[in-house]
Amino acid sequence: MTEVIKESMFDQGVLAKETIEKLEWLSQFGKDPAGGVTRLLYSKEWVQVQHALKEWMESEGFEARFDEIGNLFGTLKGKNTTETVLTGSHVDSVKNGGIYDGPYGIVAGILALKHLKEKYGQPLRNIEVVSMAEEEGSRFPFTFWGSKNIVGLAKREDVEKITDFEGIPFVKAMEESGFSFRDEFKELRKDLKAFVEVHIEQGSVLETEKKSVGVVHSIVGQRRFTVEVIGEANHAGTTPMGYRKDAVYAASQMVFDIITMAREEGDPLVATVGKIEAQPNIVNVVPGKAIFTIDVRHTDKEAIISFTEQLTSRINEVSKEHGVETTIDMWMDADPVPMDATVVELIEKQCKENGLNYKLMHSGAGHDSQIFAPFVPTAMLFVPSLKGISHNPAEYTEPGDLAEGVKGLIGALYELGYK
């Protein structure tokens, strides 16, 4: 029988208090005047928070180190040092974001290691928490810089010529922060046996269903499109309705049909038209051009392909009916990423045995776990987000739910690191 991580061992109130205190402490690094947190890759605030986390890790007795690009690792050494179980998340934020997105997974990891060490001592294999350099892409036009370097996907040429919104080169910002490129000829880590990431949901499923923990079995795939509809700009008063090639009218029917099709398809598919532009965008001119975006997500690759093929066909039909010209540009095509079935089953088992109020679910947003999953057995734990709000100073998770997420992680790391 698996040993149950009883609540008396890891008191709910203590975990909740420790977690929220550390999150509020981290939020001081990059505190935004608008009320949230702005902590962008290789900024002064980013450097400060990584070094503060390193000091905390060392104070708990972990071996702490940076890699070449600035990922921070804190290790609870195991008896077998050739195998490592990894947990953690990203330390960067969006502009004026909340205090939970990313840092919660780091805090949960450190607290989990702390409590496991106190209760069970040295693990069988290394257990390591990582504060990843970057995930959001909020400063430079590149995402997952931290995790992509760990698994060897990031390349020097990807970032050598990019700059931030103020024109500061990526390479200059990195070097001024004390870091440099990874040696791409150096062998990648072979000790990683599992990765478990804890994160806020950034959606409303858990809150709506009154669940404290989500065990994530997959991360959705995405396809994104830009659709350009070309009609004919003309005088709003002298052009009869029947003579018009109104680009907005055609685009509006396309948008209506796309959303209707998605509603009919049902969960877990979602489709969003998030940006719409009209040209010339003048009150007394029939619009000659309309541009809109489409974001389609699903946990099944074939379902995304099938739906977007139907979507494209319908857009072309509407275009023909309205006598307009339409171009469809698919500029993102990311496959769904399943989590490791064995690790998911292990986490679910721990949730059951420790009485956590959980549900199996998919993630509708992207996370570092999708980068790790093709290389390392990976799974995720979610905790609820109030009203589904994220990337916003109003981002909030109840302290009790934060504690439940840490307890779930403790159980997972115990199974993976001590068994």
Protein backbone atom coordinates (compact mmCIF):
# COMPACT_ATOMS: atom_id res chain seq x y z
CA MET A 1 0.00 0.00 0.00
CA THR A 2 1.33 3.43 -0.95
CA GLU A 3 2.05 5.51 2.13
CA VAL A 4 -0.56 8.22 2.45
CA ILE A 5 0.74 11.77 2.85
CA LYS A 6 -1.63 12.53 5.69
CA GLU A 7 -2.92 16.04 6.30
CA SER A 8 -1.51 15.93 9.83
CA MET A 9 1.96 15.59 8.33
CA PHE A 10 1.53 18.66 6.16
CA ASP A 11 -0.98 20.91 7.88
CA GLN A 12 -3.38 22.67 5.48
CA GLY A 13 -3.23 25.97 7.30
CA VAL A 14 0.57 25.96 7.50
CA LEU A 15 0.93 25.18 3.79
CA ALA A 16 -1.58 27.88 2.85
CA LYS A 17 0.18 30.49 4.99
CA GLU A 18 3.66 29.56 3.72
CA THR A 19 2.53 29.60 0.09
CA ILE A 20 0.76 32.95 0.09
CA GLU A 21 3.53 34.62 2.12
CA LYS A 22 6.17 33.51 -0.39
CA LEU A 23 4.05 34.54 -3.38
CA GLU A 24 3.53 38.00 -1.88
CA TRP A 25 7.27 38.21 -1.16
CA LEU A 26 8.12 37.38 -4.78
CA SER A 27 5.57 39.92 -6.04
CA GLN A 28 7.73 42.72 -4.62
CA PHE A 29 10.30 42.01 -7.33
CA GLY A 30 8.80 43.84 -10.28
CA LYS A 31 5.84 45.39 -8.50
CA ASP A 32 3.98 47.43 -11.10
CA PRO A 33 2.57 50.90 -10.25
CA ALA A 34 -0.67 49.76 -11.91
CA GLY A 35 -1.10 47.15 -9.19
CA GLY A 36 0.31 43.94 -10.64
CA VAL A 37 3.74 42.53 -11.45
CA THR A 38 5.97 43.28 -14.44
CA ARG A 39 9.02 41.02 -14.41
CA LEU A 40 10.40 40.57 -17.90
CA LEU A 41 13.25 38.33 -19.00
CA TYR A 42 16.74 39.69 -18.16
CA SER A 43 15.33 42.85 -16.60
CA LYS A 44 16.69 44.23 -13.32
CA GLU A 45 13.65 42.85 -11.50
CA TRP A 46 14.13 39.42 -13.09
CA VAL A 47 17.78 39.27 -11.99
CA GLN A 48 16.82 40.29 -8.46
CA VAL A 49 14.10 37.67 -8.09
CA GLN A 50 16.27 34.84 -9.41
CA HIS A 51 19.02 35.65 -6.92
CA ALA A 52 16.48 35.98 -4.09
CA LEU A 53 15.11 32.54 -4.96
CA LYS A 54 18.63 31.12 -5.00
CA GLU A 55 19.20 32.41 -1.46
CA TRP A 56 15.91 30.87 -0.32
CA MET A 57 16.80 27.51 -1.86
CA GLU A 58 20.20 27.54 -0.15
CA SER A 59 18.64 28.48 3.18
CA GLU A 60 16.50 25.32 2.95
CA GLY A 61 19.63 23.22 2.45
CA PHE A 62 19.32 22.66 -1.29
CA GLU A 63 22.22 22.89 -3.73
CA ALA A 64 21.40 25.88 -5.95
CA ARG A 65 22.92 26.77 -9.30
CA PHE A 66 22.23 28.68 -12.51
CA ASP A 67 22.69 27.20 -15.95
CA GLU A 68 24.24 29.26 -18.76
CA ILE A 69 21.06 31.13 -19.76
CA GLY A 70 19.71 31.82 -16.26
CA ASN A 71 17.46 28.89 -15.35
CA LEU A 72 17.81 28.40 -11.59
CA PHE A 73 17.89 24.90 -10.07
CA GLY A 74 17.64 23.88 -6.42
CA THR A 75 18.43 20.23 -5.70
CA LEU A 76 17.58 17.95 -2.81
CA LYS A 77 20.28 15.33 -3.36
CA GLY A 78 19.23 11.70 -3.53
CA LYS A 79 21.07 8.49 -2.76
CA ASN A 80 21.12 7.82 -6.50
CA THR A 81 22.43 11.04 -8.05
CA THR A 82 22.14 9.77 -11.64
CA GLU A 83 18.34 10.19 -11.63
CA THR A 84 16.43 13.43 -11.07
CA VAL A 85 12.75 14.25 -10.64
CA LEU A 86 12.13 17.85 -11.71
CA THR A 87 9.39 20.28 -10.73
CA GLY A 88 8.95 24.05 -11.04
CA SER A 89 7.68 26.71 -13.43
CA HIS A 90 8.58 30.09 -14.93
CA VAL A 91 9.58 33.21 -13.01
CA ASP A 92 8.85 35.85 -15.69
CA SER A 93 5.51 37.64 -16.01
CA VAL A 94 3.44 39.40 -18.59
CA LYS A 95 3.24 43.18 -18.31
CA ASN A 96 1.24 44.06 -15.22
CA GLY A 97 0.32 40.45 -14.58
CA GLY A 98 -0.76 38.66 -11.43
CA ILE A 99 1.33 37.09 -8.68
CA TYR A 100 0.40 33.43 -9.25
CA ASP A 101 1.06 32.63 -12.93
CA GLY A 102 4.45 30.88 -12.90
CA PRO A 103 5.77 31.72 -9.43
CA TYR A 104 3.17 29.48 -7.76
CA GLY A 105 4.79 26.42 -9.35
CA ILE A 106 8.22 27.50 -8.10
CA VAL A 107 7.00 28.22 -4.56
CA ALA A 108 5.04 24.96 -4.48
CA GLY A 109 8.15 23.09 -5.57
CA ILE A 110 10.41 24.58 -2.91
CA LEU A 111 7.84 24.05 -0.17
CA ALA A 112 7.21 20.47 -1.30
CA LEU A 113 10.94 19.69 -1.16
CA LYS A 114 11.22 21.37 2.22
CA HIS A 115 8.42 19.31 3.74
CA LEU A 116 9.55 16.05 2.16
CA LYS A 117 13.05 16.59 3.48
CA GLU A 118 11.77 17.31 6.98
CA LYS A 119 9.51 14.27 7.05
CA TYR A 120 11.36 11.64 5.03
CA GLY A 121 14.96 12.83 4.84
CA GLN A 122 17.11 12.03 1.84
CA PRO A 123 15.18 10.77 -1.20
CA LEU A 124 16.12 7.77 -3.30
CA ARG A 125 16.82 9.98 -6.34
CA ASN A 126 17.45 13.72 -6.72
CA ILE A 127 14.40 15.97 -6.50
CA GLU A 128 14.97 19.35 -8.10
CA VAL A 129 12.96 22.54 -8.41
CA VAL A 130 13.57 24.88 -11.33
CA SER A 131 12.77 28.57 -11.65
CA MET A 132 12.72 28.82 -15.42
CA ALA A 133 14.10 31.93 -17.04
CA GLU A 134 11.20 32.66 -19.36
CA GLU A 135 7.94 31.33 -20.75
CA GLU A 136 5.66 34.24 -21.61
CA GLY A 137 7.42 35.98 -24.53
CA SER A 138 6.44 39.34 -23.04
CA ARG A 139 9.71 41.17 -23.65
CA PHE A 140 11.18 39.50 -26.72
CA PRO A 141 9.37 37.74 -29.59
CA PHE A 142 10.38 34.27 -28.39
CA THR A 143 8.59 31.98 -25.94
CA PHE A 144 9.69 29.12 -23.66
CA TRP A 145 13.34 30.26 -23.67
CA GLY A 146 13.92 28.55 -20.31
CA SER A 147 12.45 25.12 -20.96
CA LYS A 148 13.57 25.02 -24.61
CA ASN A 149 17.17 25.42 -23.46
CA ILE A 150 16.85 22.60 -20.94
CA VAL A 151 15.68 20.12 -23.60
CA GLY A 152 17.89 21.54 -26.36
CA LEU A 153 15.23 23.09 -28.61
CA ALA A 154 16.40 26.71 -28.35
CA LYS A 155 19.05 27.78 -30.82
CA ARG A 156 21.41 30.74 -30.79
CA GLU A 157 20.16 31.93 -34.19
CA ASP A 158 16.58 32.08 -32.85
CA VAL A 159 17.37 35.13 -30.73
CA GLU A 160 20.61 36.67 -32.02
CA LYS A 161 18.83 39.33 -34.08
CA ILE A 162 15.71 40.03 -32.01
CA THR A 163 15.13 43.09 -29.80
CA ASP A 164 12.59 44.14 -27.20
CA PHE A 165 10.01 46.92 -27.59
CA GLU A 166 12.67 49.52 -26.72
CA GLY A 167 15.14 48.22 -29.29
CA ILE A 168 17.42 46.50 -26.76
CA PRO A 169 19.00 43.40 -28.33
CA PHE A 170 18.26 40.06 -26.69
CA VAL A 171 21.96 39.18 -26.54
CA LYS A 172 22.88 42.46 -24.85
CA ALA A 173 20.17 42.07 -22.21
CA MET A 174 21.26 38.49 -21.52
CA GLU A 175 24.93 39.36 -21.18
CA GLU A 176 24.27 42.39 -18.96
CA SER A 177 22.31 40.06 -16.65
CA GLY A 178 25.38 37.85 -16.30
CA PHE A 179 24.34 35.02 -18.61
CA SER A 180 25.25 33.70 -22.03
CA PHE A 181 24.25 31.13 -24.63
CA ARG A 182 24.11 27.43 -23.87
CA ASP A 183 26.92 25.40 -25.38
CA GLU A 184 25.00 23.64 -28.14
CA PHE A 185 27.76 21.03 -28.49
CA LYS A 186 27.47 20.04 -24.84
CA GLU A 187 25.50 16.87 -24.12
CA LEU A 188 22.00 17.46 -22.80
CA ARG A 189 20.92 16.20 -19.39
CA LYS A 190 20.14 12.49 -19.26
CA ASP A 191 19.27 12.32 -15.56
CA LEU A 192 15.73 13.70 -15.83
CA LYS A 193 13.21 10.94 -15.13
CA ALA A 194 10.04 13.02 -14.73
CA PHE A 195 8.77 16.60 -14.72
CA VAL A 196 5.71 17.73 -12.75
CA GLU A 197 4.51 21.32 -13.07
CA VAL A 198 2.00 22.95 -10.74
CA HIS A 199 0.15 25.94 -12.15
CA ILE A 200 -2.98 28.00 -11.73
CA GLU A 201 -5.66 26.92 -14.19
CA GLN A 202 -6.14 30.32 -15.88
CA GLY A 203 -9.68 29.19 -16.64
CA SER A 204 -12.90 28.64 -14.73
CA VAL A 205 -13.47 24.87 -14.95
CA LEU A 206 -12.21 23.96 -11.47
CA GLU A 207 -13.99 26.88 -9.81
CA THR A 208 -17.24 26.11 -11.62
CA GLU A 209 -17.10 22.43 -10.69
CA LYS A 210 -15.92 23.24 -7.15
CA LYS A 211 -12.73 21.21 -7.44
CA SER A 212 -9.50 22.15 -5.65
CA VAL A 213 -7.06 20.30 -7.92
CA GLY A 214 -6.92 19.43 -11.61
CA VAL A 215 -4.80 16.52 -12.85
CA VAL A 216 -3.89 17.47 -16.41
CA HIS A 217 -3.84 14.65 -18.96
CA SER A 218 -3.14 16.75 -22.09
CA ILE A 219 -2.42 20.23 -23.41
CA VAL A 220 -4.46 21.38 -26.37
CA GLY A 221 -3.11 21.87 -29.85
CA GLN A 222 -3.67 25.18 -31.60
CA ARG A 223 -4.14 26.52 -35.09
CA ARG A 224 -4.21 30.27 -35.67
CA PHE A 225 -5.25 32.10 -38.82
CA THR A 226 -5.44 35.59 -40.23
CA VAL A 227 -8.27 36.06 -42.73
CA GLU A 228 -8.27 39.01 -45.13
CA VAL A 229 -11.48 39.86 -46.97
CA ILE A 230 -11.21 42.23 -49.96
CA GLY A 231 -14.38 43.89 -51.19
CA GLU A 232 -14.80 47.35 -52.68
CA ALA A 233 -14.76 50.63 -50.79
CA ASN A 234 -17.53 52.94 -51.94
CA HIS A 235 -19.78 55.85 -51.00
CA ALA A 236 -22.18 54.95 -48.20
CA GLY A 237 -24.95 57.16 -49.56
CA THR A 238 -24.84 56.59 -53.29
CA THR A 239 -24.12 52.85 -53.48
CA PRO A 240 -27.34 50.78 -53.39
CA MET A 241 -27.30 47.78 -51.09
CA GLY A 242 -27.54 45.33 -53.95
CA TYR A 243 -24.49 46.78 -55.70
CA ARG A 244 -22.12 46.60 -52.75
CA LYS A 245 -19.12 44.37 -52.09
CA ASP A 246 -19.10 45.03 -48.36
CA ALA A 247 -16.08 43.35 -46.78
CA VAL A 248 -17.37 43.76 -43.23
CA TYR A 249 -20.74 42.24 -44.12
CA ALA A 250 -19.01 39.20 -45.63
CA ALA A 251 -16.57 38.92 -42.72
CA SER A 252 -19.38 39.17 -40.16
CA GLN A 253 -21.15 36.19 -41.71
CA MET A 254 -17.89 34.25 -41.69
CA VAL A 255 -17.37 35.05 -38.00
CA PHE A 256 -20.95 34.08 -37.14
CA ASP A 257 -20.62 30.78 -38.97
CA ILE A 258 -17.25 29.96 -37.37
CA ILE A 259 -18.58 30.45 -33.84
CA THR A 260 -21.80 28.58 -34.66
CA MET A 261 -19.82 25.63 -36.01
CA ALA A 262 -17.65 25.58 -32.87
CA ARG A 263 -20.69 25.62 -30.59
CA GLU A 264 -22.19 22.72 -32.54
CA GLU A 265 -18.93 20.77 -32.33
CA GLY A 266 -18.84 21.20 -28.54
CA ASP A 267 -16.18 20.62 -25.89
CA PRO A 268 -13.25 20.33 -25.83
CA LEU A 269 -13.02 22.30 -29.11
CA VAL A 270 -12.92 26.09 -28.79
CA ALA A 271 -12.73 28.70 -31.53
CA THR A 272 -12.15 32.42 -31.00
CA VAL A 273 -12.22 35.41 -33.31
CA GLY A 274 -10.11 37.75 -31.23
CA LYS A 275 -9.15 40.61 -33.50
CA ILE A 276 -11.19 42.40 -36.17
CA GLU A 277 -10.17 45.36 -38.34
CA ALA A 278 -12.13 47.27 -40.98
CA GLN A 279 -10.71 49.53 -43.66
CA PRO A 280 -10.97 52.39 -44.29
CA ASN A 281 -12.91 52.37 -40.99
CA ILE A 282 -14.85 55.55 -41.79
CA VAL A 283 -18.50 56.12 -40.95
CA ASN A 284 -19.64 57.06 -44.47
CA VAL A 285 -17.64 54.56 -46.55
CA VAL A 286 -18.64 50.99 -47.41
CA PRO A 287 -15.71 48.92 -46.02
CA GLY A 288 -13.37 47.68 -48.73
CA LYS A 289 -11.31 45.41 -46.51
CA ALA A 290 -11.84 43.40 -43.34
CA ILE A 291 -9.21 41.44 -41.43
CA PHE A 292 -9.86 39.04 -38.57
CA THR A 293 -8.03 36.32 -36.65
CA ILE A 294 -9.12 32.82 -35.68
CA ASP A 295 -7.77 30.70 -32.82
CA VAL A 296 -8.85 27.04 -32.76
CA ARG A 297 -7.89 24.60 -29.99
CA HIS A 298 -8.60 20.93 -29.25
CA THR A 299 -6.96 18.04 -27.43
CA ASP A 300 -7.09 15.83 -30.53
CA LYS A 301 -4.96 16.59 -33.59
CA GLU A 302 -7.32 14.99 -36.12
CA ALA A 303 -10.25 16.94 -34.66
CA ILE A 304 -8.38 20.23 -35.16
CA ILE A 305 -7.49 19.32 -38.73
CA SER A 306 -11.06 18.28 -39.55
CA PHE A 307 -12.66 21.36 -38.00
CA THR A 308 -10.27 23.84 -39.59
CA GLU A 309 -10.78 22.21 -42.99
CA GLN A 310 -14.55 22.68 -42.57
CA LEU A 311 -13.95 26.23 -41.37
CA THR A 312 -11.80 27.07 -44.39
CA SER A 313 -14.37 25.58 -46.77
CA ARG A 314 -17.16 27.62 -45.21
CA ILE A 315 -15.15 30.87 -45.38
CA ASN A 316 -14.55 30.29 -49.09
CA GLU A 317 -18.25 29.59 -49.66
CA VAL A 318 -19.26 32.83 -47.94
CA SER A 319 -16.62 34.72 -49.90
CA LYS A 320 -18.08 33.44 -53.17
CA GLU A 321 -21.66 34.24 -52.09
CA HIS A 322 -20.69 37.85 -51.34
CA GLY A 323 -18.51 38.38 -54.40
CA VAL A 324 -15.43 39.24 -52.38
CA GLU A 325 -11.87 37.90 -52.45
CA THR A 326 -10.53 36.16 -49.36
CA THR A 327 -7.10 34.95 -48.29
CA ILE A 328 -6.57 32.63 -45.32
CA ASP A 329 -3.15 32.50 -43.70
CA MET A 330 -2.52 29.75 -41.12
CA TRP A 331 0.49 31.05 -39.20
CA MET A 332 0.43 28.69 -36.22
CA ASP A 333 0.00 24.92 -36.21
CA ALA A 334 0.88 23.33 -32.86
CA ASP A 335 -0.05 19.73 -32.14
CA PRO A 336 -1.77 18.69 -28.90
CA VAL A 337 0.63 17.36 -26.28
CA PRO A 338 -0.45 14.38 -24.15
CA MET A 339 0.94 14.06 -20.65
CA ASP A 340 2.63 10.82 -19.63
CA ALA A 341 -0.07 8.29 -18.74
CA THR A 342 2.02 6.63 -16.01
CA VAL A 343 2.80 9.91 -14.24
CA VAL A 344 -0.83 11.07 -14.57
CA GLU A 345 -2.03 7.79 -13.05
CA LEU A 346 0.49 8.10 -10.22
CA ILE A 347 -0.66 11.65 -9.40
CA GLU A 348 -4.32 10.66 -9.58
CA LYS A 349 -3.63 7.75 -7.21
CA GLN A 350 -1.98 10.12 -4.72
CA CYS A 351 -4.92 12.53 -4.97
CA LYS A 352 -7.35 9.70 -4.17
CA GLU A 353 -5.33 8.31 -1.28
CA ASN A 354 -4.86 11.74 0.28
CA GLY A 355 -8.49 12.78 -0.11
CA LEU A 356 -7.92 15.67 -2.52
CA ASN A 357 -10.97 17.05 -4.31
CA TYR A 358 -9.72 16.69 -7.87
CA LYS A 359 -10.72 16.10 -11.48
CA LEU A 360 -8.93 14.87 -14.60
CA MET A 361 -8.85 17.62 -17.22
CA HIS A 362 -6.99 19.10 -20.16
CA SER A 363 -5.18 22.43 -20.34
CA GLY A 364 -6.54 24.99 -22.77
CA ALA A 365 -3.41 27.14 -22.43
CA GLY A 366 0.23 26.47 -23.26
CA HIS A 367 2.78 25.70 -20.54
CA ASP A 368 6.41 24.68 -20.13
CA SER A 369 5.15 21.12 -19.69
CA GLN A 370 4.37 20.91 -23.39
CA ILE A 371 8.05 21.56 -24.12
CA PHE A 372 9.23 18.88 -21.68
CA ALA A 373 6.65 16.22 -22.54
CA PRO A 374 8.26 14.90 -25.78
CA PHE A 375 11.55 14.41 -23.91
CA VAL A 376 10.69 13.60 -20.27
CA PRO A 377 7.65 11.84 -18.71
CA THR A 378 5.56 14.88 -17.76
CA ALA A 379 2.31 15.79 -16.02
CA MET A 380 0.66 18.87 -14.52
CA LEU A 381 -1.43 19.86 -11.53
CA PHE A 382 -3.84 22.80 -11.65
CA VAL A 383 -5.48 24.82 -8.90
CA PRO A 384 -8.52 27.07 -9.48
CA SER A 385 -8.40 30.64 -10.74
CA LEU A 386 -11.08 33.01 -9.46
CA LYS A 387 -13.46 33.73 -12.37
CA GLY A 388 -10.81 32.27 -14.67
CA ILE A 389 -8.87 35.55 -14.53
CA SER A 390 -5.16 35.49 -15.36
CA HIS A 391 -2.49 37.80 -16.82
CA ASN A 392 -4.15 40.46 -14.71
CA PRO A 393 -3.55 41.98 -11.24
CA ALA A 394 -6.96 40.53 -10.26
CA GLU A 395 -5.56 36.99 -10.66
CA TYR A 396 -6.42 35.10 -7.46
CA THR A 397 -6.52 31.60 -5.99
CA GLU A 398 -7.87 30.81 -2.53
CA PRO A 399 -5.06 30.01 -0.06
CA GLY A 400 -6.73 26.70 0.77
CA ASP A 401 -6.62 25.68 -2.88
CA LEU A 402 -2.98 26.75 -3.13
CA ALA A 403 -2.26 24.41 -0.21
CA GLU A 404 -4.14 21.55 -1.87
CA GLY A 405 -1.97 21.98 -4.97
CA VAL A 406 1.18 21.80 -2.85
CA LYS A 407 -0.15 18.67 -1.13
CA GLY A 408 -0.80 17.10 -4.51
CA LEU A 409 2.76 17.90 -5.55
CA ILE A 410 4.17 16.51 -2.30
CA GLY A 411 2.39 13.24 -3.00
CA ALA A 412 3.61 13.10 -6.59
CA LEU A 413 7.24 13.87 -5.67
CA TYR A 414 7.16 11.36 -2.85
CA GLU A 415 6.09 8.62 -5.26
CA LEU A 416 8.58 9.66 -7.93
CA GLY A 417 11.53 10.51 -5.68
CA TYR A 418 11.33 8.15 -2.71
CA LYS A 419 9.98 4.94 -4.25
